[in-house]
Amino acid sequence: MSTMASHTAVAARSREVTASAVRRHELAAFLRHRREHITPEQVGLVRGARRRTPGLRREEVAHLSAVGVTWYTWLEQARDIQVSVQVLDALARTLLLDPTERAHLFQLAGTADPAPTTTCPSVTPALRALLEQIEPFPACLQNSRYDILAHNRTYGLLLCDLESVPPEDRNCMILSYTHEQWRSSIVHLESATRLMAARFRAAMAGHLADPAWKALLKRLRESSPDFREIWDRHEVVAPVGKRKEFRNAYVGRLTVDHTDLWLSPDTGPRMVTYVPADEESRQRLEKLHAIALERQA
């Protein structure tokens, strides 16, 4: 290794160590704050006459979370120790964290939440109303990781019965590489999945240390040989609108124009819309919408 490369590697490692230390101290401060603002009564404990603090003691949090007192003390002291997802889950429940606080806890610990919340602050009532108004055109809200955050009824029947898919599996990458009905509904599957992988790689450049992104990549590599082969090509493309063709199980072949409507200045949350490219597709989407309404009734 050259001297310049060696110095670059040392600098990168130094930044990584510094970022890890910052996260540990933020995690310690967050745990202390939450512990000090929860009363014994909130977690089913009796307040003793000699208690000097309104919040919980460290040993009480440790006992309720089934971890050692010394270990928990080290955690609040920002020691460099490994924290399992099971312990983080127990701490989140003991400290009565809401979904946003729980996500913050796991992010500070540098670990993917095995049971992430199914709600998203990006999905406002106004956006849900807009999804409904767009019908019979299929539309959904996605983030840059391809998680489907919300969708209208027509989209719910476009590629599969999306309501039958567990919330943790409602990700277009997972569905496009592992869900047989979803895959069979895409007319040009090979080019579509290759494009998605390239877009995913481009978006992931800004989230290389994000546990949720790393967990999704790991799952895709483990569950799909096709994805592994495409991913190893290191292809990168920017998001673009595109004409697409689908084989719908209820109304037949559809040709639509795909458009991403970005909800923020960066390429994060977006509304994905499919507008019919011809009159026949328009009529079939209207029929699909009617079927969706009948199934909901």
Protein backbone atom coordinates (compact mmCIF):
# COMPACT_ATOMS: atom_id res chain seq x y z
CA MET A 1 0.00 0.00 0.00
CA SER A 2 1.33 3.46 -0.93
CA THR A 3 2.00 6.11 1.71
CA MET A 4 -0.91 8.23 0.44
CA ALA A 5 -3.31 5.27 0.50
CA SER A 6 -2.13 4.37 3.97
CA HIS A 7 -2.76 7.89 5.22
CA THR A 8 -6.20 7.88 3.60
CA ALA A 9 -7.07 4.59 5.30
CA VAL A 10 -5.86 5.90 8.67
CA ALA A 11 -7.91 9.09 8.24
CA ALA A 12 -11.02 7.11 7.31
CA ARG A 13 -10.57 4.85 10.33
CA SER A 14 -10.10 7.89 12.57
CA ARG A 15 -13.35 9.41 11.31
CA GLU A 16 -15.15 6.10 11.88
CA VAL A 17 -13.85 5.87 15.46
CA THR A 18 -14.84 9.48 16.13
CA ALA A 19 -18.35 8.95 14.74
CA SER A 20 -18.74 5.81 16.86
CA ALA A 21 -17.70 7.70 19.99
CA VAL A 22 -20.15 10.50 19.23
CA ARG A 23 -22.99 7.98 18.81
CA ARG A 24 -22.09 6.25 22.11
CA HIS A 25 -22.19 9.55 24.01
CA GLU A 26 -25.46 10.53 22.38
CA LEU A 27 -26.88 7.10 23.26
CA ALA A 28 -25.73 7.46 26.88
CA ALA A 29 -27.29 10.91 27.19
CA PHE A 30 -30.53 9.72 25.59
CA LEU A 31 -30.84 6.76 27.98
CA ARG A 32 -30.13 8.93 31.03
CA HIS A 33 -32.70 11.51 29.97
CA ARG A 34 -35.41 8.92 29.37
CA ARG A 35 -34.64 7.09 32.63
CA GLU A 36 -34.79 10.32 34.65
CA HIS A 37 -38.18 11.27 33.18
CA ILE A 38 -40.07 8.04 33.85
CA THR A 39 -41.74 7.67 37.25
CA PRO A 40 -41.69 4.36 39.15
CA GLU A 41 -45.48 4.24 38.94
CA GLN A 42 -45.35 4.28 35.12
CA VAL A 43 -43.52 0.94 35.09
CA GLY A 44 -45.39 -0.68 37.99
CA LEU A 45 -42.91 0.06 40.79
CA VAL A 46 -43.77 1.41 44.23
CA ARG A 47 -42.27 4.78 45.10
CA GLY A 48 -40.30 4.46 48.36
CA ALA A 49 -40.25 7.14 51.01
CA ARG A 50 -36.49 7.62 50.66
CA ARG A 51 -36.40 8.08 46.89
CA ARG A 52 -34.51 11.26 46.04
CA THR A 53 -35.10 11.30 42.31
CA PRO A 54 -38.45 11.40 40.50
CA GLY A 55 -37.16 9.09 37.78
CA LEU A 56 -35.93 5.52 37.71
CA ARG A 57 -32.66 4.29 39.15
CA ARG A 58 -30.11 2.53 36.93
CA GLU A 59 -30.60 -0.73 38.80
CA GLU A 60 -34.35 -0.52 38.22
CA VAL A 61 -33.91 -0.09 34.45
CA ALA A 62 -31.41 -2.95 34.44
CA HIS A 63 -33.77 -5.24 36.39
CA LEU A 64 -36.80 -4.43 34.22
CA SER A 65 -34.73 -4.98 31.06
CA ALA A 66 -33.13 -8.20 32.36
CA VAL A 67 -29.56 -6.94 31.99
CA GLY A 68 -26.72 -6.55 34.49
CA VAL A 69 -26.50 -3.34 36.50
CA THR A 70 -22.80 -2.95 35.77
CA TRP A 71 -23.35 -3.49 32.05
CA TYR A 72 -26.18 -0.94 31.94
CA THR A 73 -24.03 1.54 33.90
CA TRP A 74 -21.29 1.15 31.31
CA LEU A 75 -23.88 1.87 28.60
CA GLU A 76 -24.81 5.15 30.28
CA GLN A 77 -21.11 5.94 30.64
CA ALA A 78 -20.64 5.62 26.86
CA ARG A 79 -18.27 2.66 27.20
CA ASP A 80 -17.33 0.90 23.95
CA ILE A 81 -19.46 -2.23 24.39
CA GLN A 82 -21.63 -4.25 22.01
CA VAL A 83 -25.39 -4.00 22.40
CA SER A 84 -27.63 -6.73 21.02
CA VAL A 85 -30.97 -6.04 19.34
CA GLN A 86 -32.68 -8.05 22.09
CA VAL A 87 -31.29 -5.71 24.76
CA LEU A 88 -32.21 -2.62 22.77
CA ASP A 89 -35.74 -3.97 22.35
CA ALA A 90 -35.99 -4.57 26.11
CA LEU A 91 -34.67 -1.08 26.90
CA ALA A 92 -37.14 0.49 24.45
CA ARG A 93 -40.04 -1.25 26.22
CA THR A 94 -38.74 -0.47 29.73
CA LEU A 95 -38.22 3.20 28.92
CA LEU A 96 -41.64 3.43 27.23
CA LEU A 97 -40.21 4.75 23.97
CA ASP A 98 -42.62 5.77 21.25
CA PRO A 99 -41.92 4.67 17.62
CA THR A 100 -39.80 7.74 16.83
CA GLU A 101 -37.76 7.39 20.03
CA ARG A 102 -37.31 3.67 19.43
CA ALA A 103 -35.96 4.31 15.92
CA HIS A 104 -33.60 6.92 17.38
CA LEU A 105 -32.35 4.42 19.97
CA PHE A 106 -31.50 1.79 17.35
CA GLN A 107 -29.87 4.38 15.08
CA LEU A 108 -27.62 5.63 17.89
CA ALA A 109 -26.65 2.03 18.65
CA GLY A 110 -25.77 1.48 14.98
CA THR A 111 -28.16 -1.48 14.74
CA ALA A 112 -31.14 -2.27 12.52
CA ASP A 113 -34.44 -2.54 14.36
CA PRO A 114 -35.81 -6.08 13.84
CA ALA A 115 -39.36 -4.81 14.37
CA PRO A 116 -39.49 -1.32 12.83
CA THR A 117 -42.60 0.77 13.13
CA THR A 118 -45.09 0.52 10.29
CA THR A 119 -45.95 4.23 10.59
CA CYS A 120 -43.99 6.98 8.89
CA PRO A 121 -44.01 10.73 9.57
CA SER A 122 -43.76 11.36 5.81
CA VAL A 123 -47.23 9.86 5.30
CA THR A 124 -49.53 12.72 6.27
CA PRO A 125 -53.34 12.68 6.07
CA ALA A 126 -53.08 15.12 3.17
CA LEU A 127 -50.86 12.72 1.20
CA ARG A 128 -53.22 9.82 1.91
CA ALA A 129 -56.11 11.92 0.61
CA LEU A 130 -54.09 12.75 -2.50
CA LEU A 131 -53.41 9.05 -3.13
CA GLU A 132 -57.15 8.41 -3.10
CA GLN A 133 -57.90 11.36 -5.39
CA ILE A 134 -55.45 10.08 -8.00
CA GLU A 135 -57.48 6.88 -8.46
CA PRO A 136 -58.18 5.04 -10.68
CA PHE A 137 -54.50 5.63 -11.43
CA PRO A 138 -52.23 3.46 -9.24
CA ALA A 139 -50.00 5.42 -6.86
CA CYS A 140 -47.96 4.85 -3.73
CA LEU A 141 -45.52 6.59 -1.42
CA GLN A 142 -41.99 5.18 -1.27
CA ASN A 143 -38.72 6.19 0.30
CA SER A 144 -35.36 5.95 -1.46
CA ARG A 145 -34.94 2.44 -0.01
CA TYR A 146 -38.04 1.31 -1.97
CA ASP A 147 -40.16 0.73 1.15
CA ILE A 148 -43.86 1.13 0.28
CA LEU A 149 -45.05 3.56 2.96
CA ALA A 150 -48.63 3.93 1.72
CA HIS A 151 -50.65 3.12 -1.40
CA ASN A 152 -54.08 3.57 -2.91
CA ARG A 153 -56.50 0.73 -3.61
CA THR A 154 -55.69 0.39 -7.31
CA TYR A 155 -51.97 0.09 -6.61
CA GLY A 156 -52.80 -2.52 -4.00
CA LEU A 157 -53.98 -4.88 -6.77
CA LEU A 158 -51.61 -3.79 -9.55
CA LEU A 159 -48.80 -6.35 -9.15
CA CYS A 160 -50.15 -8.59 -6.40
CA ASP A 161 -52.60 -8.44 -3.50
CA LEU A 162 -50.42 -6.07 -1.48
CA GLU A 163 -52.64 -6.27 1.60
CA SER A 164 -51.71 -9.95 1.92
CA VAL A 165 -48.01 -9.08 2.07
CA PRO A 166 -46.62 -8.59 5.62
CA PRO A 167 -45.70 -4.93 6.29
CA GLU A 168 -42.02 -5.78 6.74
CA ASP A 169 -41.98 -7.28 3.21
CA ARG A 170 -43.62 -4.32 1.46
CA ASN A 171 -40.46 -3.22 -0.27
CA CYS A 172 -40.26 -3.09 -4.07
CA MET A 173 -36.75 -4.54 -4.11
CA ILE A 174 -37.77 -7.51 -1.96
CA LEU A 175 -40.94 -8.06 -3.97
CA SER A 176 -39.25 -7.71 -7.36
CA TYR A 177 -36.59 -10.28 -6.49
CA THR A 178 -38.44 -12.78 -4.27
CA HIS A 179 -42.25 -12.54 -4.68
CA GLU A 180 -43.36 -14.78 -7.54
CA GLN A 181 -46.69 -13.07 -8.35
CA TRP A 182 -45.10 -9.62 -8.25
CA ARG A 183 -42.28 -10.83 -10.53
CA SER A 184 -44.66 -12.49 -12.99
CA SER A 185 -46.63 -9.24 -13.28
CA ILE A 186 -43.63 -7.31 -14.65
CA VAL A 187 -43.43 -7.80 -18.41
CA HIS A 188 -39.76 -6.81 -18.79
CA LEU A 189 -38.57 -8.30 -15.51
CA GLU A 190 -34.85 -8.59 -16.21
CA SER A 191 -34.38 -4.98 -17.31
CA ALA A 192 -36.67 -3.72 -14.53
CA THR A 193 -34.81 -5.50 -11.73
CA ARG A 194 -31.44 -4.49 -13.15
CA LEU A 195 -32.52 -0.83 -13.25
CA MET A 196 -33.86 -0.99 -9.69
CA ALA A 197 -30.59 -2.45 -8.40
CA ALA A 198 -28.61 0.30 -10.12
CA ARG A 199 -30.88 2.99 -8.67
CA PHE A 200 -30.66 1.37 -5.25
CA ARG A 201 -26.85 1.41 -5.40
CA ALA A 202 -26.84 5.08 -6.37
CA ALA A 203 -29.17 5.97 -3.48
CA MET A 204 -27.25 3.82 -0.99
CA ALA A 205 -24.08 5.88 -1.49
CA GLY A 206 -25.55 8.38 0.93
CA HIS A 207 -26.55 5.72 3.49
CA LEU A 208 -23.57 3.37 3.65
CA ALA A 209 -23.51 3.37 7.47
CA ASP A 210 -27.30 3.22 7.91
CA PRO A 211 -28.26 -0.08 9.64
CA ALA A 212 -31.61 -0.32 7.84
CA TRP A 213 -29.96 -0.01 4.41
CA LYS A 214 -27.28 -2.56 5.33
CA ALA A 215 -29.92 -4.98 6.62
CA LEU A 216 -31.93 -4.69 3.40
CA LEU A 217 -28.83 -5.26 1.28
CA LYS A 218 -27.89 -8.30 3.37
CA ARG A 219 -31.38 -9.75 3.03
CA LEU A 220 -31.41 -9.27 -0.75
CA ARG A 221 -27.99 -10.86 -1.19
CA GLU A 222 -28.98 -13.85 0.95
CA SER A 223 -32.40 -14.44 -0.60
CA SER A 224 -31.82 -13.81 -4.31
CA PRO A 225 -29.02 -15.20 -6.50
CA ASP A 226 -30.28 -12.90 -9.29
CA PHE A 227 -29.76 -9.88 -7.07
CA ARG A 228 -26.25 -10.98 -6.07
CA GLU A 229 -25.26 -11.35 -9.72
CA ILE A 230 -26.68 -7.94 -10.70
CA TRP A 231 -25.35 -6.19 -7.59
CA ASP A 232 -21.81 -7.36 -8.28
CA ARG A 233 -21.87 -5.51 -11.61
CA HIS A 234 -21.65 -2.19 -9.69
CA GLU A 235 -24.00 -0.43 -12.09
CA VAL A 236 -25.31 3.01 -11.09
CA VAL A 237 -28.08 5.09 -12.67
CA ALA A 238 -30.04 8.16 -11.64
CA PRO A 239 -33.83 8.05 -11.14
CA VAL A 240 -35.76 8.51 -14.40
CA GLY A 241 -39.37 8.27 -15.51
CA LYS A 242 -40.14 5.32 -17.76
CA ARG A 243 -42.92 3.57 -19.66
CA LYS A 244 -43.75 0.21 -18.08
CA GLU A 245 -45.83 -2.82 -18.95
CA PHE A 246 -47.58 -5.06 -16.44
CA ARG A 247 -49.60 -8.30 -16.63
CA ASN A 248 -52.39 -7.77 -14.15
CA ALA A 249 -54.15 -10.84 -12.78
CA TYR A 250 -57.58 -9.16 -12.95
CA VAL A 251 -57.66 -7.02 -16.10
CA GLY A 252 -54.78 -8.17 -18.28
CA ARG A 253 -51.92 -6.22 -19.85
CA LEU A 254 -51.37 -2.60 -18.89
CA THR A 255 -49.07 0.04 -20.39
CA VAL A 256 -48.38 2.97 -18.08
CA ASP A 257 -46.07 5.95 -17.74
CA HIS A 258 -44.17 5.92 -14.45
CA THR A 259 -43.43 9.25 -12.75
CA ASP A 260 -41.72 9.99 -9.43
CA LEU A 261 -43.01 13.09 -7.63
CA TRP A 262 -40.37 14.00 -5.03
CA LEU A 263 -41.68 15.22 -1.66
CA SER A 264 -38.49 16.95 -0.52
CA PRO A 265 -35.48 18.70 -2.09
CA ASP A 266 -33.37 15.54 -1.89
CA THR A 267 -34.14 12.15 -3.44
CA GLY A 268 -35.88 10.75 -0.39
CA PRO A 269 -39.64 10.18 -0.03
CA ARG A 270 -41.55 10.26 -3.29
CA MET A 271 -44.98 9.62 -4.73
CA VAL A 272 -44.84 6.99 -7.46
CA THR A 273 -47.62 7.29 -10.04
CA TYR A 274 -48.66 5.17 -13.03
CA VAL A 275 -50.68 7.00 -15.69
CA PRO A 276 -52.23 4.93 -18.54
CA ALA A 277 -50.34 5.30 -21.79
CA ASP A 278 -53.31 4.40 -24.00
CA GLU A 279 -57.10 4.24 -23.89
CA GLU A 280 -57.24 0.49 -23.42
CA SER A 281 -54.99 0.71 -20.36
CA ARG A 282 -57.12 3.57 -19.01
CA GLN A 283 -60.27 1.45 -19.26
CA ARG A 284 -58.54 -1.51 -17.63
CA LEU A 285 -57.27 0.63 -14.75
CA GLU A 286 -60.81 1.89 -14.18
CA LYS A 287 -61.99 -1.72 -14.09
CA LEU A 288 -59.18 -2.62 -11.65
CA HIS A 289 -60.20 0.27 -9.42
CA ALA A 290 -63.79 -0.98 -9.41
CA ILE A 291 -62.58 -4.45 -8.42
CA ALA A 292 -60.56 -2.94 -5.59
CA LEU A 293 -63.63 -1.08 -4.34
CA GLU A 294 -65.72 -4.28 -4.44
CA ARG A 295 -63.08 -6.17 -2.45
CA GLN A 296 -63.01 -3.42 0.16
CA ALA A 297 -66.80 -3.34 0.55
